[in-house]
Amino acid sequence: MSDHTLGDAPIQPKYREQMNHLARLLDGYFNGDAKGHAREVGFVMMIFDFNEQGRCNYISNANRGDVVTLLKEQLKRFEGQPEQQGNS
């Protein structure tokens, strides 16, 4: 288990290069050359190892406060949905 609480540590070194590369690709794909407030699409990427509790690597092109609001709202949606079953 990590000395950090969930989300307060930097991206793990084994994922840093890959996550930064994917973030640049996503931002470029959705926003082209637009930067800052000129961008129209935000994203959040979170990855975790299935067998490591308490650790999630996070990267986004959005303001952290906006992402916190997004995640809270999304969690409320998930919690309000009936249990889903099936294969996809």
PDB file of N, CA and C in Angstrom:
ATOM      1  N   MET A   1       0.852  -1.182   0.000  1.00  0.00           N
ATOM      2  CA  MET A   1       0.000   0.000   0.000  1.00  0.00           C
ATOM      3  C   MET A   1       0.893   1.238   0.000  1.00  0.00           C
ATOM      4  N   SER A   2       0.489   2.232  -0.695  1.00  0.00           N
ATOM      5  CA  SER A   2       1.227   3.477  -0.855  1.00  0.00           C
ATOM      6  C   SER A   2       1.179   4.329   0.409  1.00  0.00           C
ATOM      7  N   ASP A   3       2.160   5.221   0.562  1.00  0.00           N
ATOM      8  CA  ASP A   3       2.148   6.205   1.647  1.00  0.00           C
ATOM      9  C   ASP A   3       1.199   7.348   1.339  1.00  0.00           C
ATOM     10  N   HIS A   4       0.752   7.453   0.113  1.00  0.00           N
ATOM     11  CA  HIS A   4      -0.137   8.528  -0.322  1.00  0.00           C
ATOM     12  C   HIS A   4      -1.588   8.065  -0.252  1.00  0.00           C
ATOM     13  N   THR A   5      -2.480   9.032  -0.096  1.00  0.00           N
ATOM     14  CA  THR A   5      -3.892   8.699  -0.229  1.00  0.00           C
ATOM     15  C   THR A   5      -4.247   8.716  -1.704  1.00  0.00           C
ATOM     16  N   LEU A   6      -5.381   8.144  -2.025  1.00  0.00           N
ATOM     17  CA  LEU A   6      -5.790   7.993  -3.411  1.00  0.00           C
ATOM     18  C   LEU A   6      -5.775   9.331  -4.145  1.00  0.00           C
ATOM     19  N   GLY A   7      -4.977   9.405  -5.194  1.00  0.00           N
ATOM     20  CA  GLY A   7      -4.980  10.578  -6.054  1.00  0.00           C
ATOM     21  C   GLY A   7      -4.040  11.701  -5.670  1.00  0.00           C
ATOM     22  N   ASP A   8      -3.279  11.549  -4.572  1.00  0.00           N
ATOM     23  CA  ASP A   8      -2.436  12.681  -4.179  1.00  0.00           C
ATOM     24  C   ASP A   8      -0.968  12.508  -4.553  1.00  0.00           C
ATOM     25  N   ALA A   9      -0.623  11.425  -5.203  1.00  0.00           N
ATOM     26  CA  ALA A   9       0.763  11.185  -5.602  1.00  0.00           C
ATOM     27  C   ALA A   9       0.911  11.426  -7.102  1.00  0.00           C
ATOM     28  N   PRO A  10       2.137  11.677  -7.540  1.00  0.00           N
ATOM     29  CA  PRO A  10       2.363  11.819  -8.980  1.00  0.00           C
ATOM     30  C   PRO A  10       2.058  10.505  -9.704  1.00  0.00           C
ATOM     31  N   ILE A  11       1.944  10.591 -11.016  1.00  0.00           N
ATOM     32  CA  ILE A  11       1.773   9.378 -11.817  1.00  0.00           C
ATOM     33  C   ILE A  11       2.954   8.455 -11.545  1.00  0.00           C
ATOM     34  N   GLN A  12       2.666   7.172 -11.377  1.00  0.00           N
ATOM     35  CA  GLN A  12       3.735   6.206 -11.148  1.00  0.00           C
ATOM     36  C   GLN A  12       4.701   6.227 -12.329  1.00  0.00           C
ATOM     37  N   PRO A  13       6.001   6.162 -12.050  1.00  0.00           N
ATOM     38  CA  PRO A  13       6.990   6.228 -13.129  1.00  0.00           C
ATOM     39  C   PRO A  13       6.748   5.225 -14.253  1.00  0.00           C
ATOM     40  N   LYS A  14       6.251   4.023 -13.923  1.00  0.00           N
ATOM     41  CA  LYS A  14       6.056   3.009 -14.964  1.00  0.00           C
ATOM     42  C   LYS A  14       4.958   3.389 -15.957  1.00  0.00           C
ATOM     43  N   TYR A  15       4.105   4.372 -15.609  1.00  0.00           N
ATOM     44  CA  TYR A  15       3.015   4.800 -16.491  1.00  0.00           C
ATOM     45  C   TYR A  15       3.165   6.230 -17.009  1.00  0.00           C
ATOM     46  N   ARG A  16       4.095   6.991 -16.460  1.00  0.00           N
ATOM     47  CA  ARG A  16       4.182   8.427 -16.752  1.00  0.00           C
ATOM     48  C   ARG A  16       4.314   8.726 -18.244  1.00  0.00           C
ATOM     49  N   GLU A  17       5.276   8.114 -18.903  1.00  0.00           N
ATOM     50  CA  GLU A  17       5.511   8.404 -20.323  1.00  0.00           C
ATOM     51  C   GLU A  17       4.294   8.034 -21.173  1.00  0.00           C
ATOM     52  N   GLN A  18       3.719   6.862 -20.918  1.00  0.00           N
ATOM     53  CA  GLN A  18       2.559   6.413 -21.692  1.00  0.00           C
ATOM     54  C   GLN A  18       1.361   7.330 -21.479  1.00  0.00           C
ATOM     55  N   MET A  19       1.099   7.702 -20.239  1.00  0.00           N
ATOM     56  CA  MET A  19      -0.062   8.542 -19.951  1.00  0.00           C
ATOM     57  C   MET A  19       0.099   9.934 -20.543  1.00  0.00           C
ATOM     58  N   ASN A  20       1.289  10.506 -20.440  1.00  0.00           N
ATOM     59  CA  ASN A  20       1.520  11.820 -21.034  1.00  0.00           C
ATOM     60  C   ASN A  20       1.382  11.761 -22.554  1.00  0.00           C
ATOM     61  N   HIS A  21       1.881  10.698 -23.162  1.00  0.00           N
ATOM     62  CA  HIS A  21       1.755  10.525 -24.613  1.00  0.00           C
ATOM     63  C   HIS A  21       0.282  10.432 -25.014  1.00  0.00           C
ATOM     64  N   LEU A  22      -0.483   9.595 -24.305  1.00  0.00           N
ATOM     65  CA  LEU A  22      -1.911   9.452 -24.615  1.00  0.00           C
ATOM     66  C   LEU A  22      -2.671  10.756 -24.386  1.00  0.00           C
ATOM     67  N   ALA A  23      -2.308  11.491 -23.338  1.00  0.00           N
ATOM     68  CA  ALA A  23      -2.978  12.768 -23.062  1.00  0.00           C
ATOM     69  C   ALA A  23      -2.735  13.759 -24.198  1.00  0.00           C
ATOM     70  N   ARG A  24      -1.504  13.829 -24.690  1.00  0.00           N
ATOM     71  CA  ARG A  24      -1.209  14.715 -25.826  1.00  0.00           C
ATOM     72  C   ARG A  24      -1.994  14.288 -27.066  1.00  0.00           C
ATOM     73  N   LEU A  25      -2.058  12.975 -27.308  1.00  0.00           N
ATOM     74  CA  LEU A  25      -2.812  12.475 -28.463  1.00  0.00           C
ATOM     75  C   LEU A  25      -4.295  12.817 -28.349  1.00  0.00           C
ATOM     76  N   LEU A  26      -4.890  12.563 -27.188  1.00  0.00           N
ATOM     77  CA  LEU A  26      -6.313  12.860 -26.988  1.00  0.00           C
ATOM     78  C   LEU A  26      -6.599  14.348 -27.150  1.00  0.00           C
ATOM     79  N   ASP A  27      -5.778  15.169 -26.524  1.00  0.00           N
ATOM     80  CA  ASP A  27      -5.996  16.611 -26.596  1.00  0.00           C
ATOM     81  C   ASP A  27      -5.874  17.097 -28.038  1.00  0.00           C
ATOM     82  N   GLY A  28      -4.859  16.617 -28.741  1.00  0.00           N
ATOM     83  CA  GLY A  28      -4.687  17.000 -30.140  1.00  0.00           C
ATOM     84  C   GLY A  28      -5.814  16.500 -31.024  1.00  0.00           C
ATOM     85  N   TYR A  29      -6.268  15.287 -30.782  1.00  0.00           N
ATOM     86  CA  TYR A  29      -7.343  14.704 -31.587  1.00  0.00           C
ATOM     87  C   TYR A  29      -8.639  15.490 -31.425  1.00  0.00           C
ATOM     88  N   PHE A  30      -8.986  15.815 -30.185  1.00  0.00           N
ATOM     89  CA  PHE A  30     -10.254  16.495 -29.928  1.00  0.00           C
ATOM     90  C   PHE A  30     -10.178  18.014 -30.076  1.00  0.00           C
ATOM     91  N   ASN A  31      -9.012  18.603 -29.822  1.00  0.00           N
ATOM     92  CA  ASN A  31      -8.914  20.065 -29.784  1.00  0.00           C
ATOM     93  C   ASN A  31      -7.965  20.660 -30.810  1.00  0.00           C
ATOM     94  N   GLY A  32      -7.323  19.818 -31.604  1.00  0.00           N
ATOM     95  CA  GLY A  32      -6.399  20.342 -32.605  1.00  0.00           C
ATOM     96  C   GLY A  32      -5.299  21.161 -31.955  1.00  0.00           C
ATOM     97  N   ASP A  33      -5.048  22.335 -32.499  1.00  0.00           N
ATOM     98  CA  ASP A  33      -3.996  23.204 -31.976  1.00  0.00           C
ATOM     99  C   ASP A  33      -4.491  24.154 -30.888  1.00  0.00           C
ATOM    100  N   ALA A  34      -5.776  24.091 -30.559  1.00  0.00           N
ATOM    101  CA  ALA A  34      -6.336  24.993 -29.540  1.00  0.00           C
ATOM    102  C   ALA A  34      -5.685  24.723 -28.185  1.00  0.00           C
ATOM    103  N   LYS A  35      -5.468  25.784 -27.442  1.00  0.00           N
ATOM    104  CA  LYS A  35      -4.857  25.682 -26.113  1.00  0.00           C
ATOM    105  C   LYS A  35      -5.716  26.423 -25.102  1.00  0.00           C
ATOM    106  N   GLY A  36      -5.570  26.082 -23.838  1.00  0.00           N
ATOM    107  CA  GLY A  36      -6.254  26.796 -22.763  1.00  0.00           C
ATOM    108  C   GLY A  36      -7.754  26.859 -22.949  1.00  0.00           C
ATOM    109  N   HIS A  37      -8.307  28.057 -22.772  1.00  0.00           N
ATOM    110  CA  HIS A  37      -9.758  28.255 -22.853  1.00  0.00           C
ATOM    111  C   HIS A  37     -10.307  28.095 -24.268  1.00  0.00           C
ATOM    112  N   ALA A  38      -9.431  28.064 -25.268  1.00  0.00           N
ATOM    113  CA  ALA A  38      -9.886  27.875 -26.650  1.00  0.00           C
ATOM    114  C   ALA A  38     -10.266  26.415 -26.930  1.00  0.00           C
ATOM    115  N   ARG A  39      -9.833  25.501 -26.057  1.00  0.00           N
ATOM    116  CA  ARG A  39     -10.204  24.091 -26.242  1.00  0.00           C
ATOM    117  C   ARG A  39     -11.692  23.909 -25.992  1.00  0.00           C
ATOM    118  N   GLU A  40     -12.288  22.967 -26.709  1.00  0.00           N
ATOM    119  CA  GLU A  40     -13.721  22.701 -26.565  1.00  0.00           C
ATOM    120  C   GLU A  40     -14.015  21.389 -25.854  1.00  0.00           C
ATOM    121  N   VAL A  41     -13.059  20.465 -25.824  1.00  0.00           N
ATOM    122  CA  VAL A  41     -13.302  19.138 -25.258  1.00  0.00           C
ATOM    123  C   VAL A  41     -12.303  18.857 -24.144  1.00  0.00           C
ATOM    124  N   GLY A  42     -12.842  18.443 -23.010  1.00  0.00           N
ATOM    125  CA  GLY A  42     -12.004  18.040 -21.893  1.00  0.00           C
ATOM    126  C   GLY A  42     -12.029  16.526 -21.737  1.00  0.00           C
ATOM    127  N   PHE A  43     -10.999  15.997 -21.115  1.00  0.00           N
ATOM    128  CA  PHE A  43     -10.966  14.556 -20.857  1.00  0.00           C
ATOM    129  C   PHE A  43     -10.296  14.289 -19.516  1.00  0.00           C
ATOM    130  N   VAL A  44     -10.581  13.122 -18.996  1.00  0.00           N
ATOM    131  CA  VAL A  44      -9.958  12.607 -17.778  1.00  0.00           C
ATOM    132  C   VAL A  44      -9.567  11.166 -18.059  1.00  0.00           C
ATOM    133  N   MET A  45      -8.348  10.808 -17.724  1.00  0.00           N
ATOM    134  CA  MET A  45      -7.917   9.416 -17.828  1.00  0.00           C
ATOM    135  C   MET A  45      -7.456   8.964 -16.447  1.00  0.00           C
ATOM    136  N   MET A  46      -8.004   7.857 -15.997  1.00  0.00           N
ATOM    137  CA  MET A  46      -7.596   7.275 -14.724  1.00  0.00           C
ATOM    138  C   MET A  46      -7.260   5.815 -14.985  1.00  0.00           C
ATOM    139  N   ILE A  47      -6.077   5.401 -14.547  1.00  0.00           N
ATOM    140  CA  ILE A  47      -5.706   3.995 -14.683  1.00  0.00           C
ATOM    141  C   ILE A  47      -5.276   3.479 -13.321  1.00  0.00           C
ATOM    142  N   PHE A  48      -5.478   2.184 -13.136  1.00  0.00           N
ATOM    143  CA  PHE A  48      -5.109   1.558 -11.869  1.00  0.00           C
ATOM    144  C   PHE A  48      -4.759   0.107 -12.127  1.00  0.00           C
ATOM    145  N   ASP A  49      -3.945  -0.440 -11.257  1.00  0.00           N
ATOM    146  CA  ASP A  49      -3.641  -1.863 -11.293  1.00  0.00           C
ATOM    147  C   ASP A  49      -4.737  -2.586 -10.527  1.00  0.00           C
ATOM    148  N   PHE A  50      -5.293  -3.635 -11.106  1.00  0.00           N
ATOM    149  CA  PHE A  50      -6.377  -4.360 -10.457  1.00  0.00           C
ATOM    150  C   PHE A  50      -5.979  -4.897  -9.083  1.00  0.00           C
ATOM    151  N   ASN A  51      -4.735  -5.267  -8.904  1.00  0.00           N
ATOM    152  CA  ASN A  51      -4.325  -5.916  -7.659  1.00  0.00           C
ATOM    153  C   ASN A  51      -3.600  -4.995  -6.690  1.00  0.00           C
ATOM    154  N   GLU A  52      -3.680  -3.690  -6.902  1.00  0.00           N
ATOM    155  CA  GLU A  52      -3.027  -2.746  -5.994  1.00  0.00           C
ATOM    156  C   GLU A  52      -4.077  -1.792  -5.442  1.00  0.00           C
ATOM    157  N   GLN A  53      -4.406  -1.960  -4.183  1.00  0.00           N
ATOM    158  CA  GLN A  53      -5.442  -1.137  -3.568  1.00  0.00           C
ATOM    159  C   GLN A  53      -4.935   0.277  -3.302  1.00  0.00           C
ATOM    160  N   GLY A  54      -5.838   1.226  -3.407  1.00  0.00           N
ATOM    161  CA  GLY A  54      -5.540   2.585  -2.988  1.00  0.00           C
ATOM    162  C   GLY A  54      -4.673   3.395  -3.920  1.00  0.00           C
ATOM    163  N   ARG A  55      -4.506   2.962  -5.168  1.00  0.00           N
ATOM    164  CA  ARG A  55      -3.642   3.706  -6.083  1.00  0.00           C
ATOM    165  C   ARG A  55      -4.329   3.879  -7.422  1.00  0.00           C
ATOM    166  N   CYS A  56      -4.442   5.127  -7.861  1.00  0.00           N
ATOM    167  CA  CYS A  56      -5.019   5.442  -9.161  1.00  0.00           C
ATOM    168  C   CYS A  56      -4.168   6.534  -9.790  1.00  0.00           C
ATOM    169  N   ASN A  57      -3.785   6.352 -11.035  1.00  0.00           N
ATOM    170  CA  ASN A  57      -3.026   7.348 -11.786  1.00  0.00           C
ATOM    171  C   ASN A  57      -4.004   8.159 -12.620  1.00  0.00           C
ATOM    172  N   TYR A  58      -3.866   9.469 -12.576  1.00  0.00           N
ATOM    173  CA  TYR A  58      -4.844  10.389 -13.152  1.00  0.00           C
ATOM    174  C   TYR A  58      -4.136  11.416 -14.022  1.00  0.00           C
ATOM    175  N   ILE A  59      -4.737  11.728 -15.174  1.00  0.00           N
ATOM    176  CA  ILE A  59      -4.254  12.829 -16.005  1.00  0.00           C
ATOM    177  C   ILE A  59      -5.460  13.431 -16.725  1.00  0.00           C
ATOM    178  N   SER A  60      -5.414  14.731 -16.968  1.00  0.00           N
ATOM    179  CA  SER A  60      -6.528  15.422 -17.600  1.00  0.00           C
ATOM    180  C   SER A  60      -6.017  16.684 -18.279  1.00  0.00           C
ATOM    181  N   ASN A  61      -6.807  17.198 -19.203  1.00  0.00           N
ATOM    182  CA  ASN A  61      -6.494  18.495 -19.800  1.00  0.00           C
ATOM    183  C   ASN A  61      -7.373  19.587 -19.192  1.00  0.00           C
ATOM    184  N   ALA A  62      -8.092  19.245 -18.129  1.00  0.00           N
ATOM    185  CA  ALA A  62      -9.042  20.171 -17.514  1.00  0.00           C
ATOM    186  C   ALA A  62      -8.553  20.642 -16.147  1.00  0.00           C
ATOM    187  N   ASN A  63      -9.175  21.684 -15.668  1.00  0.00           N
ATOM    188  CA  ASN A  63      -8.920  22.214 -14.335  1.00  0.00           C
ATOM    189  C   ASN A  63      -9.339  21.177 -13.302  1.00  0.00           C
ATOM    190  N   ARG A  64      -8.509  20.947 -12.301  1.00  0.00           N
ATOM    191  CA  ARG A  64      -8.784  19.920 -11.296  1.00  0.00           C
ATOM    192  C   ARG A  64     -10.124  20.146 -10.599  1.00  0.00           C
ATOM    193  N   GLY A  65     -10.461  21.370 -10.282  1.00  0.00           N
ATOM    194  CA  GLY A  65     -11.742  21.657  -9.634  1.00  0.00           C
ATOM    195  C   GLY A  65     -12.920  21.259 -10.501  1.00  0.00           C
ATOM    196  N   ASP A  66     -12.809  21.512 -11.809  1.00  0.00           N
ATOM    197  CA  ASP A  66     -13.868  21.104 -12.734  1.00  0.00           C
ATOM    198  C   ASP A  66     -13.980  19.582 -12.803  1.00  0.00           C
ATOM    199  N   VAL A  67     -12.837  18.906 -12.745  1.00  0.00           N
ATOM    200  CA  VAL A  67     -12.848  17.445 -12.782  1.00  0.00           C
ATOM    201  C   VAL A  67     -13.492  16.885 -11.516  1.00  0.00           C
ATOM    202  N   VAL A  68     -13.208  17.494 -10.370  1.00  0.00           N
ATOM    203  CA  VAL A  68     -13.832  17.050  -9.118  1.00  0.00           C
ATOM    204  C   VAL A  68     -15.349  17.156  -9.234  1.00  0.00           C
ATOM    205  N   THR A  69     -15.843  18.278  -9.752  1.00  0.00           N
ATOM    206  CA  THR A  69     -17.287  18.454  -9.948  1.00  0.00           C
ATOM    207  C   THR A  69     -17.829  17.395 -10.899  1.00  0.00           C
ATOM    208  N   LEU A  70     -17.144  17.178 -12.006  1.00  0.00           N
ATOM    209  CA  LEU A  70     -17.550  16.164 -12.976  1.00  0.00           C
ATOM    210  C   LEU A  70     -17.658  14.793 -12.325  1.00  0.00           C
ATOM    211  N   LEU A  71     -16.636  14.404 -11.561  1.00  0.00           N
ATOM    212  CA  LEU A  71     -16.630  13.074 -10.950  1.00  0.00           C
ATOM    213  C   LEU A  71     -17.743  12.919  -9.920  1.00  0.00           C
ATOM    214  N   LYS A  72     -17.994  13.958  -9.137  1.00  0.00           N
ATOM    215  CA  LYS A  72     -19.091  13.897  -8.163  1.00  0.00           C
ATOM    216  C   LYS A  72     -20.428  13.722  -8.864  1.00  0.00           C
ATOM    217  N   GLU A  73     -20.643  14.485  -9.930  1.00  0.00           N
ATOM    218  CA  GLU A  73     -21.897  14.390 -10.674  1.00  0.00           C
ATOM    219  C   GLU A  73     -22.037  13.024 -11.345  1.00  0.00           C
ATOM    220  N   GLN A  74     -20.946  12.514 -11.898  1.00  0.00           N
ATOM    221  CA  GLN A  74     -20.992  11.210 -12.559  1.00  0.00           C
ATOM    222  C   GLN A  74     -21.257  10.104 -11.547  1.00  0.00           C
ATOM    223  N   LEU A  75     -20.654  10.194 -10.382  1.00  0.00           N
ATOM    224  CA  LEU A  75     -20.885   9.201  -9.335  1.00  0.00           C
ATOM    225  C   LEU A  75     -22.355   9.185  -8.921  1.00  0.00           C
ATOM    226  N   LYS A  76     -22.960  10.357  -8.799  1.00  0.00           N
ATOM    227  CA  LYS A  76     -24.390  10.415  -8.471  1.00  0.00           C
ATOM    228  C   LYS A  76     -25.216   9.717  -9.545  1.00  0.00           C
ATOM    229  N   ARG A  77     -24.846   9.907 -10.805  1.00  0.00           N
ATOM    230  CA  ARG A  77     -25.567   9.227 -11.894  1.00  0.00           C
ATOM    231  C   ARG A  77     -25.413   7.715 -11.783  1.00  0.00           C
ATOM    232  N   PHE A  78     -24.176   7.264 -11.552  1.00  0.00           N
ATOM    233  CA  PHE A  78     -23.936   5.824 -11.421  1.00  0.00           C
ATOM    234  C   PHE A  78     -24.725   5.243 -10.251  1.00  0.00           C
ATOM    235  N   GLU A  79     -24.709   5.942  -9.129  1.00  0.00           N
ATOM    236  CA  GLU A  79     -25.388   5.439  -7.937  1.00  0.00           C
ATOM    237  C   GLU A  79     -26.898   5.435  -8.106  1.00  0.00           C
ATOM    238  N   GLY A  80     -27.432   6.284  -8.952  1.00  0.00           N
ATOM    239  CA  GLY A  80     -28.867   6.359  -9.163  1.00  0.00           C
ATOM    240  C   GLY A  80     -29.397   5.388 -10.201  1.00  0.00           C
ATOM    241  N   GLN A  81     -28.491   4.693 -10.893  1.00  0.00           N
ATOM    242  CA  GLN A  81     -28.927   3.755 -11.925  1.00  0.00           C
ATOM    243  C   GLN A  81     -29.199   2.391 -11.317  1.00  0.00           C
ATOM    244  N   PRO A  82     -30.190   1.678 -11.851  1.00  0.00           N
ATOM    245  CA  PRO A  82     -30.410   0.309 -11.376  1.00  0.00           C
ATOM    246  C   PRO A  82     -29.228  -0.574 -11.764  1.00  0.00           C
ATOM    247  N   GLU A  83     -29.049  -1.658 -11.029  1.00  0.00           N
ATOM    248  CA  GLU A  83     -27.971  -2.596 -11.348  1.00  0.00           C
ATOM    249  C   GLU A  83     -28.124  -3.093 -12.775  1.00  0.00           C
ATOM    250  N   GLN A  84     -27.044  -3.052 -13.507  1.00  0.00           N
ATOM    251  CA  GLN A  84     -27.036  -3.518 -14.891  1.00  0.00           C
ATOM    252  C   GLN A  84     -26.418  -4.913 -14.926  1.00  0.00           C
ATOM    253  N   GLN A  85     -26.945  -5.774 -15.764  1.00  0.00           N
ATOM    254  CA  GLN A  85     -26.357  -7.087 -15.967  1.00  0.00           C
ATOM    255  C   GLN A  85     -26.212  -7.321 -17.454  1.00  0.00           C
ATOM    256  N   GLY A  86     -25.294  -8.195 -17.796  1.00  0.00           N
ATOM    257  CA  GLY A  86     -25.118  -8.535 -19.198  1.00  0.00           C
ATOM    258  C   GLY A  86     -23.663  -8.481 -19.586  1.00  0.00           C
ATOM    259  N   ASN A  87     -23.426  -8.776 -20.815  1.00  0.00           N
ATOM    260  CA  ASN A  87     -22.071  -8.771 -21.364  1.00  0.00           C
ATOM    261  C   ASN A  87     -22.000  -7.760 -22.488  1.00  0.00           C
ATOM    262  N   SER A  88     -20.885  -7.058 -22.543  1.00  0.00           N
ATOM    263  CA  SER A  88     -20.705  -6.125 -23.649  1.00  0.00           C
ATOM    264  C   SER A  88     -19.315  -6.243 -24.205  1.00  0.00           C
TER     265      SER A  88
END
